[in-house]
PDB file of N, CA and C in Angstrom:
ATOM      1  N   UNK A   1      56.021 153.617  36.683  1.00  0.00           N
ATOM      2  CA  UNK A   1      56.750 154.015  35.592  1.00  0.00           C
ATOM      3  C   UNK A   1      57.642 153.270  35.863  1.00  0.00           C
ATOM      4  N   UNK A   2      58.505 152.702  34.757  1.00  0.00           N
ATOM      5  CA  UNK A   2      59.974 152.055  34.141  1.00  0.00           C
ATOM      6  C   UNK A   2      61.007 152.644  34.181  1.00  0.00           C
ATOM      7  N   UNK A   3      62.019 152.653  34.927  1.00  0.00           N
ATOM      8  CA  UNK A   3      62.926 153.625  34.345  1.00  0.00           C
ATOM      9  C   UNK A   3      64.216 152.799  34.481  1.00  0.00           C
ATOM     10  N   UNK A   4      65.208 153.216  33.074  1.00  0.00           N
ATOM     11  CA  UNK A   4      66.455 152.431  33.349  1.00  0.00           C
ATOM     12  C   UNK A   4      67.556 152.845  33.922  1.00  0.00           C
ATOM     13  N   UNK A   5      68.361 151.524  34.378  1.00  0.00           N
ATOM     14  CA  UNK A   5      69.431 152.094  35.416  1.00  0.00           C
ATOM     15  C   UNK A   5      70.108 153.374  35.003  1.00  0.00           C
ATOM     16  N   UNK A   6      70.361 153.607  34.035  1.00  0.00           N
ATOM     17  CA  UNK A   6      70.930 155.138  33.536  1.00  0.00           C
ATOM     18  C   UNK A   6      70.196 156.149  34.170  1.00  0.00           C
ATOM     19  N   UNK A   7      68.469 156.075  33.539  1.00  0.00           N
ATOM     20  CA  UNK A   7      67.832 157.063  34.263  1.00  0.00           C
ATOM     21  C   UNK A   7      67.791 156.990  35.638  1.00  0.00           C
ATOM     22  N   UNK A   8      67.849 156.043  36.680  1.00  0.00           N
ATOM     23  CA  UNK A   8      67.908 155.927  38.154  1.00  0.00           C
ATOM     24  C   UNK A   8      69.376 156.463  38.504  1.00  0.00           C
ATOM     25  N   UNK A   9      70.445 156.091  37.823  1.00  0.00           N
ATOM     26  CA  UNK A   9      71.860 156.455  38.220  1.00  0.00           C
ATOM     27  C   UNK A   9      71.635 158.101  38.428  1.00  0.00           C
ATOM     28  N   UNK A  10      71.148 158.614  37.273  1.00  0.00           N
ATOM     29  CA  UNK A  10      71.171 159.954  37.196  1.00  0.00           C
ATOM     30  C   UNK A  10      70.513 160.389  38.146  1.00  0.00           C
ATOM     31  N   UNK A  11      69.061 160.248  38.686  1.00  0.00           N
ATOM     32  CA  UNK A  11      68.262 160.453  39.544  1.00  0.00           C
ATOM     33  C   UNK A  11      69.308 160.639  41.027  1.00  0.00           C
ATOM     34  N   UNK A  12      70.180 159.543  41.063  1.00  0.00           N
ATOM     35  CA  UNK A  12      71.067 159.456  42.500  1.00  0.00           C
ATOM     36  C   UNK A  12      72.108 160.607  42.467  1.00  0.00           C
ATOM     37  N   UNK A  13      72.319 161.066  41.232  1.00  0.00           N
ATOM     38  CA  UNK A  13      73.394 162.584  41.307  1.00  0.00           C
ATOM     39  C   UNK A  13      72.553 163.317  41.738  1.00  0.00           C
ATOM     40  N   UNK A  14      71.630 163.263  42.335  1.00  0.00           N
ATOM     41  CA  UNK A  14      70.982 164.706  43.165  1.00  0.00           C
ATOM     42  C   UNK A  14      71.168 164.204  44.448  1.00  0.00           C
ATOM     43  N   UNK A  15      71.926 163.159  44.992  1.00  0.00           N
ATOM     44  CA  UNK A  15      71.528 162.629  46.467  1.00  0.00           C
ATOM     45  C   UNK A  15      73.362 162.907  46.806  1.00  0.00           C
ATOM     46  N   UNK A  16      73.568 163.807  47.323  1.00  0.00           N
ATOM     47  CA  UNK A  16      74.820 164.472  47.980  1.00  0.00           C
ATOM     48  C   UNK A  16      75.133 163.936  48.983  1.00  0.00           C
ATOM     49  N   UNK A  17      76.729 163.512  49.470  1.00  0.00           N
ATOM     50  CA  UNK A  17      77.036 163.396  50.821  1.00  0.00           C
ATOM     51  C   UNK A  17      77.335 164.442  51.146  1.00  0.00           C
ATOM     52  N   UNK A  18      76.690 164.811  52.647  1.00  0.00           N
ATOM     53  CA  UNK A  18      76.407 166.419  53.131  1.00  0.00           C
ATOM     54  C   UNK A  18      77.925 166.548  53.318  1.00  0.00           C
ATOM     55  N   UNK A  19      78.638 165.840  53.529  1.00  0.00           N
ATOM     56  CA  UNK A  19      80.000 166.101  54.485  1.00  0.00           C
ATOM     57  C   UNK A  19      80.948 166.623  53.504  1.00  0.00           C
ATOM     58  N   UNK A  20      81.024 165.707  52.269  1.00  0.00           N
ATOM     59  CA  UNK A  20      81.925 165.759  51.343  1.00  0.00           C
ATOM     60  C   UNK A  20      81.284 166.983  49.856  1.00  0.00           C
ATOM     61  N   UNK A  21      80.197 166.805  50.079  1.00  0.00           N
ATOM     62  CA  UNK A  21      79.544 168.069  49.207  1.00  0.00           C
ATOM     63  C   UNK A  21      79.483 167.474  47.415  1.00  0.00           C
ATOM     64  N   UNK A  22      79.657 166.128  47.522  1.00  0.00           N
ATOM     65  CA  UNK A  22      79.746 165.550  46.339  1.00  0.00           C
ATOM     66  C   UNK A  22      78.574 164.505  46.177  1.00  0.00           C
ATOM     67  N   UNK A  23      78.326 164.083  45.003  1.00  0.00           N
ATOM     68  CA  UNK A  23      76.956 163.187  44.870  1.00  0.00           C
ATOM     69  C   UNK A  23      77.760 161.715  44.840  1.00  0.00           C
ATOM     70  N   UNK A  24      76.413 161.286  45.368  1.00  0.00           N
ATOM     71  CA  UNK A  24      76.968 159.586  45.826  1.00  0.00           C
ATOM     72  C   UNK A  24      77.506 158.672  44.520  1.00  0.00           C
ATOM     73  N   UNK A  25      76.856 158.999  43.489  1.00  0.00           N
ATOM     74  CA  UNK A  25      77.506 158.681  42.212  1.00  0.00           C
ATOM     75  C   UNK A  25      78.799 159.023  41.632  1.00  0.00           C
ATOM     76  N   UNK A  26      79.037 160.015  41.689  1.00  0.00           N
ATOM     77  CA  UNK A  26      80.538 160.698  41.382  1.00  0.00           C
ATOM     78  C   UNK A  26      81.338 160.411  42.190  1.00  0.00           C
ATOM     79  N   UNK A  27      81.054 159.676  43.496  1.00  0.00           N
ATOM     80  CA  UNK A  27      81.658 159.376  44.750  1.00  0.00           C
ATOM     81  C   UNK A  27      82.160 157.790  44.372  1.00  0.00           C
ATOM     82  N   UNK A  28      81.601 157.226  43.376  1.00  0.00           N
ATOM     83  CA  UNK A  28      81.743 155.867  43.310  1.00  0.00           C
ATOM     84  C   UNK A  28      81.126 155.047  44.757  1.00  0.00           C
ATOM     85  N   UNK A  29      80.108 155.567  45.283  1.00  0.00           N
ATOM     86  CA  UNK A  29      79.524 155.017  46.455  1.00  0.00           C
ATOM     87  C   UNK A  29      77.835 153.984  45.657  1.00  0.00           C
ATOM     88  N   UNK A  30      77.835 154.147  44.380  1.00  0.00           N
ATOM     89  CA  UNK A  30      76.514 153.040  44.062  1.00  0.00           C
ATOM     90  C   UNK A  30      77.251 152.157  42.831  1.00  0.00           C
ATOM     91  N   UNK A  31      77.056 150.789  43.581  1.00  0.00           N
ATOM     92  CA  UNK A  31      77.730 150.018  43.067  1.00  0.00           C
ATOM     93  C   UNK A  31      76.691 149.390  41.496  1.00  0.00           C
ATOM     94  N   UNK A  32      75.248 149.242  42.197  1.00  0.00           N
ATOM     95  CA  UNK A  32      74.303 148.477  41.342  1.00  0.00           C
ATOM     96  C   UNK A  32      73.191 149.436  41.612  1.00  0.00           C
ATOM     97  N   UNK A  33      72.198 149.858  40.323  1.00  0.00           N
ATOM     98  CA  UNK A  33      70.787 150.495  40.788  1.00  0.00           C
ATOM     99  C   UNK A  33      70.184 149.769  39.397  1.00  0.00           C
ATOM    100  N   UNK A  34      69.085 149.242  40.224  1.00  0.00           N
ATOM    101  CA  UNK A  34      68.365 148.582  39.138  1.00  0.00           C
ATOM    102  C   UNK A  34      66.699 148.429  38.938  1.00  0.00           C
ATOM    103  N   UNK A  35      65.729 148.733  38.165  1.00  0.00           N
ATOM    104  CA  UNK A  35      64.546 148.724  38.475  1.00  0.00           C
ATOM    105  C   UNK A  35      63.893 147.127  38.301  1.00  0.00           C
ATOM    106  N   UNK A  36      63.102 146.716  39.116  1.00  0.00           N
ATOM    107  CA  UNK A  36      62.585 145.650  38.805  1.00  0.00           C
ATOM    108  C   UNK A  36      61.160 145.406  38.864  1.00  0.00           C
ATOM    109  N   UNK A  37      60.495 144.595  38.508  1.00  0.00           N
ATOM    110  CA  UNK A  37      58.957 144.275  38.481  1.00  0.00           C
ATOM    111  C   UNK A  37      58.235 145.283  39.704  1.00  0.00           C
ATOM    112  N   UNK A  38      58.832 144.857  40.934  1.00  0.00           N
ATOM    113  CA  UNK A  38      58.239 145.179  42.279  1.00  0.00           C
ATOM    114  C   UNK A  38      58.659 145.971  42.988  1.00  0.00           C
ATOM    115  N   UNK A  39      59.931 146.502  42.534  1.00  0.00           N
ATOM    116  CA  UNK A  39      60.615 147.528  43.261  1.00  0.00           C
ATOM    117  C   UNK A  39      61.753 148.144  42.443  1.00  0.00           C
ATOM    118  N   UNK A  40      62.707 148.802  43.042  1.00  0.00           N
ATOM    119  CA  UNK A  40      64.147 149.543  42.595  1.00  0.00           C
ATOM    120  C   UNK A  40      65.251 148.873  43.867  1.00  0.00           C
ATOM    121  N   UNK A  41      65.734 148.645  43.141  1.00  0.00           N
ATOM    122  CA  UNK A  41      66.933 147.863  44.102  1.00  0.00           C
ATOM    123  C   UNK A  41      68.201 148.898  43.810  1.00  0.00           C
ATOM    124  N   UNK A  42      68.962 149.198  44.694  1.00  0.00           N
ATOM    125  CA  UNK A  42      70.464 149.703  44.968  1.00  0.00           C
ATOM    126  C   UNK A  42      71.174 149.033  45.822  1.00  0.00           C
ATOM    127  N   UNK A  43      72.664 148.714  45.195  1.00  0.00           N
ATOM    128  CA  UNK A  43      73.483 148.423  45.889  1.00  0.00           C
ATOM    129  C   UNK A  43      74.600 149.257  45.917  1.00  0.00           C
ATOM    130  N   UNK A  44      74.960 149.928  47.345  1.00  0.00           N
ATOM    131  CA  UNK A  44      75.773 150.603  47.511  1.00  0.00           C
ATOM    132  C   UNK A  44      77.088 150.194  48.582  1.00  0.00           C
ATOM    133  N   UNK A  45      77.550 151.599  48.839  1.00  0.00           N
ATOM    134  CA  UNK A  45      78.380 151.594  49.865  1.00  0.00           C
ATOM    135  C   UNK A  45      78.862 152.880  51.010  1.00  0.00           C
ATOM    136  N   UNK A  46      79.409 153.198  51.692  1.00  0.00           N
ATOM    137  CA  UNK A  46      79.580 154.538  52.311  1.00  0.00           C
ATOM    138  C   UNK A  46      81.389 154.487  51.968  1.00  0.00           C
ATOM    139  N   UNK A  47      81.925 155.948  52.458  1.00  0.00           N
ATOM    140  CA  UNK A  47      83.222 156.063  52.352  1.00  0.00           C
ATOM    141  C   UNK A  47      83.801 155.192  53.844  1.00  0.00           C
ATOM    142  N   UNK A  48      82.996 155.057  54.828  1.00  0.00           N
ATOM    143  CA  UNK A  48      83.468 154.251  55.815  1.00  0.00           C
ATOM    144  C   UNK A  48      82.433 153.361  56.425  1.00  0.00           C
ATOM    145  N   UNK A  49      82.524 152.396  57.236  1.00  0.00           N
ATOM    146  CA  UNK A  49      81.630 151.867  57.854  1.00  0.00           C
ATOM    147  C   UNK A  49      81.237 152.440  59.208  1.00  0.00           C
ATOM    148  N   UNK A  50      81.589 153.113  59.453  1.00  0.00           N
ATOM    149  CA  UNK A  50      81.317 154.077  60.876  1.00  0.00           C
ATOM    150  C   UNK A  50      80.637 155.255  60.329  1.00  0.00           C
ATOM    151  N   UNK A  51      80.129 155.981  59.030  1.00  0.00           N
ATOM    152  CA  UNK A  51      79.893 156.917  58.816  1.00  0.00           C
ATOM    153  C   UNK A  51      78.634 157.373  59.435  1.00  0.00           C
ATOM    154  N   UNK A  52      78.665 158.281  60.350  1.00  0.00           N
ATOM    155  CA  UNK A  52      77.666 158.900  60.867  1.00  0.00           C
ATOM    156  C   UNK A  52      76.653 159.517  60.248  1.00  0.00           C
ATOM    157  N   UNK A  53      76.293 159.338  58.729  1.00  0.00           N
ATOM    158  CA  UNK A  53      75.378 160.024  58.001  1.00  0.00           C
ATOM    159  C   UNK A  53      75.013 158.962  57.616  1.00  0.00           C
ATOM    160  N   UNK A  54      75.134 157.546  57.791  1.00  0.00           N
ATOM    161  CA  UNK A  54      74.394 156.388  57.111  1.00  0.00           C
ATOM    162  C   UNK A  54      73.208 156.737  56.640  1.00  0.00           C
ATOM    163  N   UNK A  55      72.410 156.828  57.772  1.00  0.00           N
ATOM    164  CA  UNK A  55      70.957 156.759  57.874  1.00  0.00           C
ATOM    165  C   UNK A  55      70.457 158.060  56.989  1.00  0.00           C
ATOM    166  N   UNK A  56      70.953 158.941  57.189  1.00  0.00           N
ATOM    167  CA  UNK A  56      70.221 160.215  56.114  1.00  0.00           C
ATOM    168  C   UNK A  56      70.613 160.316  54.831  1.00  0.00           C
ATOM    169  N   UNK A  57      71.614 159.369  54.318  1.00  0.00           N
ATOM    170  CA  UNK A  57      72.309 159.003  52.977  1.00  0.00           C
ATOM    171  C   UNK A  57      71.228 157.898  52.525  1.00  0.00           C
ATOM    172  N   UNK A  58      71.070 156.986  53.240  1.00  0.00           N
ATOM    173  CA  UNK A  58      69.827 155.884  52.981  1.00  0.00           C
ATOM    174  C   UNK A  58      68.436 156.598  52.634  1.00  0.00           C
ATOM    175  N   UNK A  59      68.116 157.155  53.210  1.00  0.00           N
ATOM    176  CA  UNK A  59      66.971 157.757  53.468  1.00  0.00           C
ATOM    177  C   UNK A  59      66.787 158.808  52.405  1.00  0.00           C
ATOM    178  N   UNK A  60      67.636 159.599  51.851  1.00  0.00           N
ATOM    179  CA  UNK A  60      67.716 160.562  50.850  1.00  0.00           C
ATOM    180  C   UNK A  60      67.883 159.685  49.496  1.00  0.00           C
ATOM    181  N   UNK A  61      68.411 158.484  49.655  1.00  0.00           N
ATOM    182  CA  UNK A  61      68.287 157.642  47.974  1.00  0.00           C
ATOM    183  C   UNK A  61      66.936 157.171  48.033  1.00  0.00           C
ATOM    184  N   UNK A  62      66.137 156.715  48.970  1.00  0.00           N
ATOM    185  CA  UNK A  62      65.293 156.121  48.976  1.00  0.00           C
ATOM    186  C   UNK A  62      63.926 157.174  48.325  1.00  0.00           C
ATOM    187  N   UNK A  63      64.113 158.543  48.873  1.00  0.00           N
ATOM    188  CA  UNK A  63      63.199 159.503  48.652  1.00  0.00           C
ATOM    189  C   UNK A  63      63.338 159.882  47.343  1.00  0.00           C
ATOM    190  N   UNK A  64      64.849 159.887  47.125  1.00  0.00           N
ATOM    191  CA  UNK A  64      64.563 160.244  45.852  1.00  0.00           C
ATOM    192  C   UNK A  64      64.384 159.418  44.473  1.00  0.00           C
ATOM    193  N   UNK A  65      64.237 158.425  44.938  1.00  0.00           N
ATOM    194  CA  UNK A  65      63.996 157.131  43.795  1.00  0.00           C
ATOM    195  C   UNK A  65      62.304 157.064  43.786  1.00  0.00           C
ATOM    196  N   UNK A  66      62.116 157.181  44.769  1.00  0.00           N
ATOM    197  CA  UNK A  66      60.684 157.544  45.576  1.00  0.00           C
ATOM    198  C   UNK A  66      59.844 158.202  44.480  1.00  0.00           C
ATOM    199  N   UNK A  67      60.203 159.245  44.892  1.00  0.00           N
ATOM    200  CA  UNK A  67      59.847 160.734  44.083  1.00  0.00           C
ATOM    201  C   UNK A  67      59.800 160.537  43.059  1.00  0.00           C
ATOM    202  N   UNK A  68      61.268 160.291  42.138  1.00  0.00           N
ATOM    203  CA  UNK A  68      61.187 160.437  40.803  1.00  0.00           C
ATOM    204  C   UNK A  68      60.346 159.484  39.808  1.00  0.00           C
ATOM    205  N   UNK A  69      60.382 157.858  40.481  1.00  0.00           N
ATOM    206  CA  UNK A  69      59.929 156.994  39.773  1.00  0.00           C
ATOM    207  C   UNK A  69      58.558 156.719  40.346  1.00  0.00           C
ATOM    208  N   UNK A  70      58.049 157.033  41.236  1.00  0.00           N
ATOM    209  CA  UNK A  70      56.431 156.528  41.590  1.00  0.00           C
ATOM    210  C   UNK A  70      56.270 155.350  42.368  1.00  0.00           C
ATOM    211  N   UNK A  71      57.893 154.897  42.623  1.00  0.00           N
ATOM    212  CA  UNK A  71      57.896 153.324  42.977  1.00  0.00           C
ATOM    213  C   UNK A  71      58.026 153.515  44.431  1.00  0.00           C
ATOM    214  N   UNK A  72      57.403 152.806  45.478  1.00  0.00           N
ATOM    215  CA  UNK A  72      57.378 152.970  46.508  1.00  0.00           C
ATOM    216  C   UNK A  72      58.311 152.204  47.554  1.00  0.00           C
ATOM    217  N   UNK A  73      58.469 150.604  46.428  1.00  0.00           N
ATOM    218  CA  UNK A  73      59.154 149.944  47.201  1.00  0.00           C
ATOM    219  C   UNK A  73      60.659 150.194  46.737  1.00  0.00           C
ATOM    220  N   UNK A  74      61.632 150.739  47.341  1.00  0.00           N
ATOM    221  CA  UNK A  74      63.076 151.133  47.185  1.00  0.00           C
ATOM    222  C   UNK A  74      63.956 150.370  48.194  1.00  0.00           C
ATOM    223  N   UNK A  75      64.228 149.286  47.691  1.00  0.00           N
ATOM    224  CA  UNK A  75      65.296 148.346  48.712  1.00  0.00           C
ATOM    225  C   UNK A  75      66.790 148.958  48.537  1.00  0.00           C
ATOM    226  N   UNK A  76      67.771 149.570  49.695  1.00  0.00           N
ATOM    227  CA  UNK A  76      68.876 149.684  49.601  1.00  0.00           C
ATOM    228  C   UNK A  76      69.936 148.879  50.216  1.00  0.00           C
ATOM    229  N   UNK A  77      70.647 148.126  49.769  1.00  0.00           N
ATOM    230  CA  UNK A  77      71.432 147.210  49.845  1.00  0.00           C
ATOM    231  C   UNK A  77      72.895 147.650  50.481  1.00  0.00           C
ATOM    232  N   UNK A  78      72.923 147.768  51.531  1.00  0.00           N
ATOM    233  CA  UNK A  78      74.649 148.718  51.981  1.00  0.00           C
ATOM    234  C   UNK A  78      75.505 147.627  52.043  1.00  0.00           C
ATOM    235  N   UNK A  79      76.623 147.347  51.449  1.00  0.00           N
ATOM    236  CA  UNK A  79      77.521 146.466  51.181  1.00  0.00           C
ATOM    237  C   UNK A  79      78.896 147.052  51.570  1.00  0.00           C
ATOM    238  N   UNK A  80      79.863 145.828  52.120  1.00  0.00           N
ATOM    239  CA  UNK A  80      81.476 146.809  52.720  1.00  0.00           C
ATOM    240  C   UNK A  80      82.323 145.961  51.650  1.00  0.00           C
ATOM    241  N   UNK A  81      82.157 145.205  50.990  1.00  0.00           N
ATOM    242  CA  UNK A  81      82.620 144.579  49.457  1.00  0.00           C
ATOM    243  C   UNK A  81      82.231 144.858  48.436  1.00  0.00           C
ATOM    244  N   UNK A  82      82.807 145.317  47.283  1.00  0.00           N
ATOM    245  CA  UNK A  82      84.106 145.772  47.624  1.00  0.00           C
ATOM    246  C   UNK A  82      84.704 146.992  48.266  1.00  0.00           C
ATOM    247  N   UNK A  83      85.366 147.403  49.077  1.00  0.00           N
ATOM    248  CA  UNK A  83      85.637 148.464  50.001  1.00  0.00           C
ATOM    249  C   UNK A  83      86.071 149.434  48.868  1.00  0.00           C
ATOM    250  N   UNK A  84      85.181 150.820  49.629  1.00  0.00           N
ATOM    251  CA  UNK A  84      85.414 152.052  48.398  1.00  0.00           C
ATOM    252  C   UNK A  84      86.491 152.569  48.851  1.00  0.00           C
ATOM    253  N   UNK A  85      87.126 153.165  47.767  1.00  0.00           N
ATOM    254  CA  UNK A  85      88.663 154.055  47.791  1.00  0.00           C
ATOM    255  C   UNK A  85      88.391 154.735  47.237  1.00  0.00           C
ATOM    256  N   UNK A  86      89.279 155.749  47.024  1.00  0.00           N
ATOM    257  CA  UNK A  86      89.154 157.096  45.825  1.00  0.00           C
ATOM    258  C   UNK A  86      89.450 156.596  44.737  1.00  0.00           C
ATOM    259  N   UNK A  87      89.835 156.072  44.459  1.00  0.00           N
ATOM    260  CA  UNK A  87      90.212 155.578  42.876  1.00  0.00           C
ATOM    261  C   UNK A  87      89.025 155.325  42.163  1.00  0.00           C
ATOM    262  N   UNK A  88      87.851 155.313  42.825  1.00  0.00           N
ATOM    263  CA  UNK A  88      86.695 154.860  42.591  1.00  0.00           C
ATOM    264  C   UNK A  88      85.528 156.132  42.008  1.00  0.00           C
ATOM    265  N   UNK A  89      86.506 156.995  42.612  1.00  0.00           N
ATOM    266  CA  UNK A  89      85.477 158.375  42.248  1.00  0.00           C
ATOM    267  C   UNK A  89      85.774 158.783  40.820  1.00  0.00           C
ATOM    268  N   UNK A  90      84.565 159.571  40.261  1.00  0.00           N
ATOM    269  CA  UNK A  90      84.979 160.114  39.010  1.00  0.00           C
ATOM    270  C   UNK A  90      85.851 161.362  38.899  1.00  0.00           C
ATOM    271  N   UNK A  91      86.387 161.273  37.807  1.00  0.00           N
ATOM    272  CA  UNK A  91      87.224 162.359  37.738  1.00  0.00           C
ATOM    273  C   UNK A  91      86.751 163.958  38.348  1.00  0.00           C
ATOM    274  N   UNK A  92      85.485 164.106  37.999  1.00  0.00           N
ATOM    275  CA  UNK A  92      85.166 165.164  38.674  1.00  0.00           C
ATOM    276  C   UNK A  92      84.863 165.397  39.993  1.00  0.00           C
ATOM    277  N   UNK A  93      84.478 164.126  40.546  1.00  0.00           N
ATOM    278  CA  UNK A  93      84.410 164.529  42.236  1.00  0.00           C
ATOM    279  C   UNK A  93      86.117 164.476  42.406  1.00  0.00           C
ATOM    280  N   UNK A  94      86.928 163.693  42.007  1.00  0.00           N
ATOM    281  CA  UNK A  94      88.554 163.955  42.346  1.00  0.00           C
ATOM    282  C   UNK A  94      88.873 165.477  42.323  1.00  0.00           C
ATOM    283  N   UNK A  95      88.544 166.217  41.109  1.00  0.00           N
ATOM    284  CA  UNK A  95      88.794 167.470  40.939  1.00  0.00           C
ATOM    285  C   UNK A  95      88.299 168.216  42.160  1.00  0.00           C
ATOM    286  N   UNK A  96      87.116 167.922  42.334  1.00  0.00           N
ATOM    287  CA  UNK A  96      86.395 168.834  43.317  1.00  0.00           C
ATOM    288  C   UNK A  96      86.895 168.699  44.733  1.00  0.00           C
ATOM    289  N   UNK A  97      87.699 167.612  45.163  1.00  0.00           N
ATOM    290  CA  UNK A  97      88.181 167.229  46.697  1.00  0.00           C
ATOM    291  C   UNK A  97      89.688 167.442  46.259  1.00  0.00           C
ATOM    292  N   UNK A  98      89.995 167.452  45.344  1.00  0.00           N
ATOM    293  CA  UNK A  98      91.254 167.662  45.202  1.00  0.00           C
ATOM    294  C   UNK A  98      92.302 166.429  45.036  1.00  0.00           C
ATOM    295  N   UNK A  99      91.911 165.250  44.639  1.00  0.00           N
ATOM    296  CA  UNK A  99      92.445 164.198  44.646  1.00  0.00           C
ATOM    297  C   UNK A  99      93.182 164.250  43.208  1.00  0.00           C
ATOM    298  N   UNK A 100      94.555 163.690  43.320  1.00  0.00           N
ATOM    299  CA  UNK A 100      95.163 163.820  41.558  1.00  0.00           C
ATOM    300  C   UNK A 100      95.721 162.158  41.373  1.00  0.00           C
TER     301      UNK A 100
END
């Protein structure tokens, strides 16, 4: 099944950062997501390079996209540039976490 970038991004809203309790899209961690002929590609980051939940979040991204799309080839490209900052969060995430 071919999915649009918006559909893929909506599915990723079901993946939460377990420490913050906010989904990774609203946190601003997902930079790019796209369906390609032979895979789904995700470029994302984490709030810090040493995040202890690195593997858990990546596994959750892969599982969610595979489960929803039926595609088994999910590539998650973890990048550190641009560096994540709180201003990348959605207004909803800022409200939940108390950022003004």
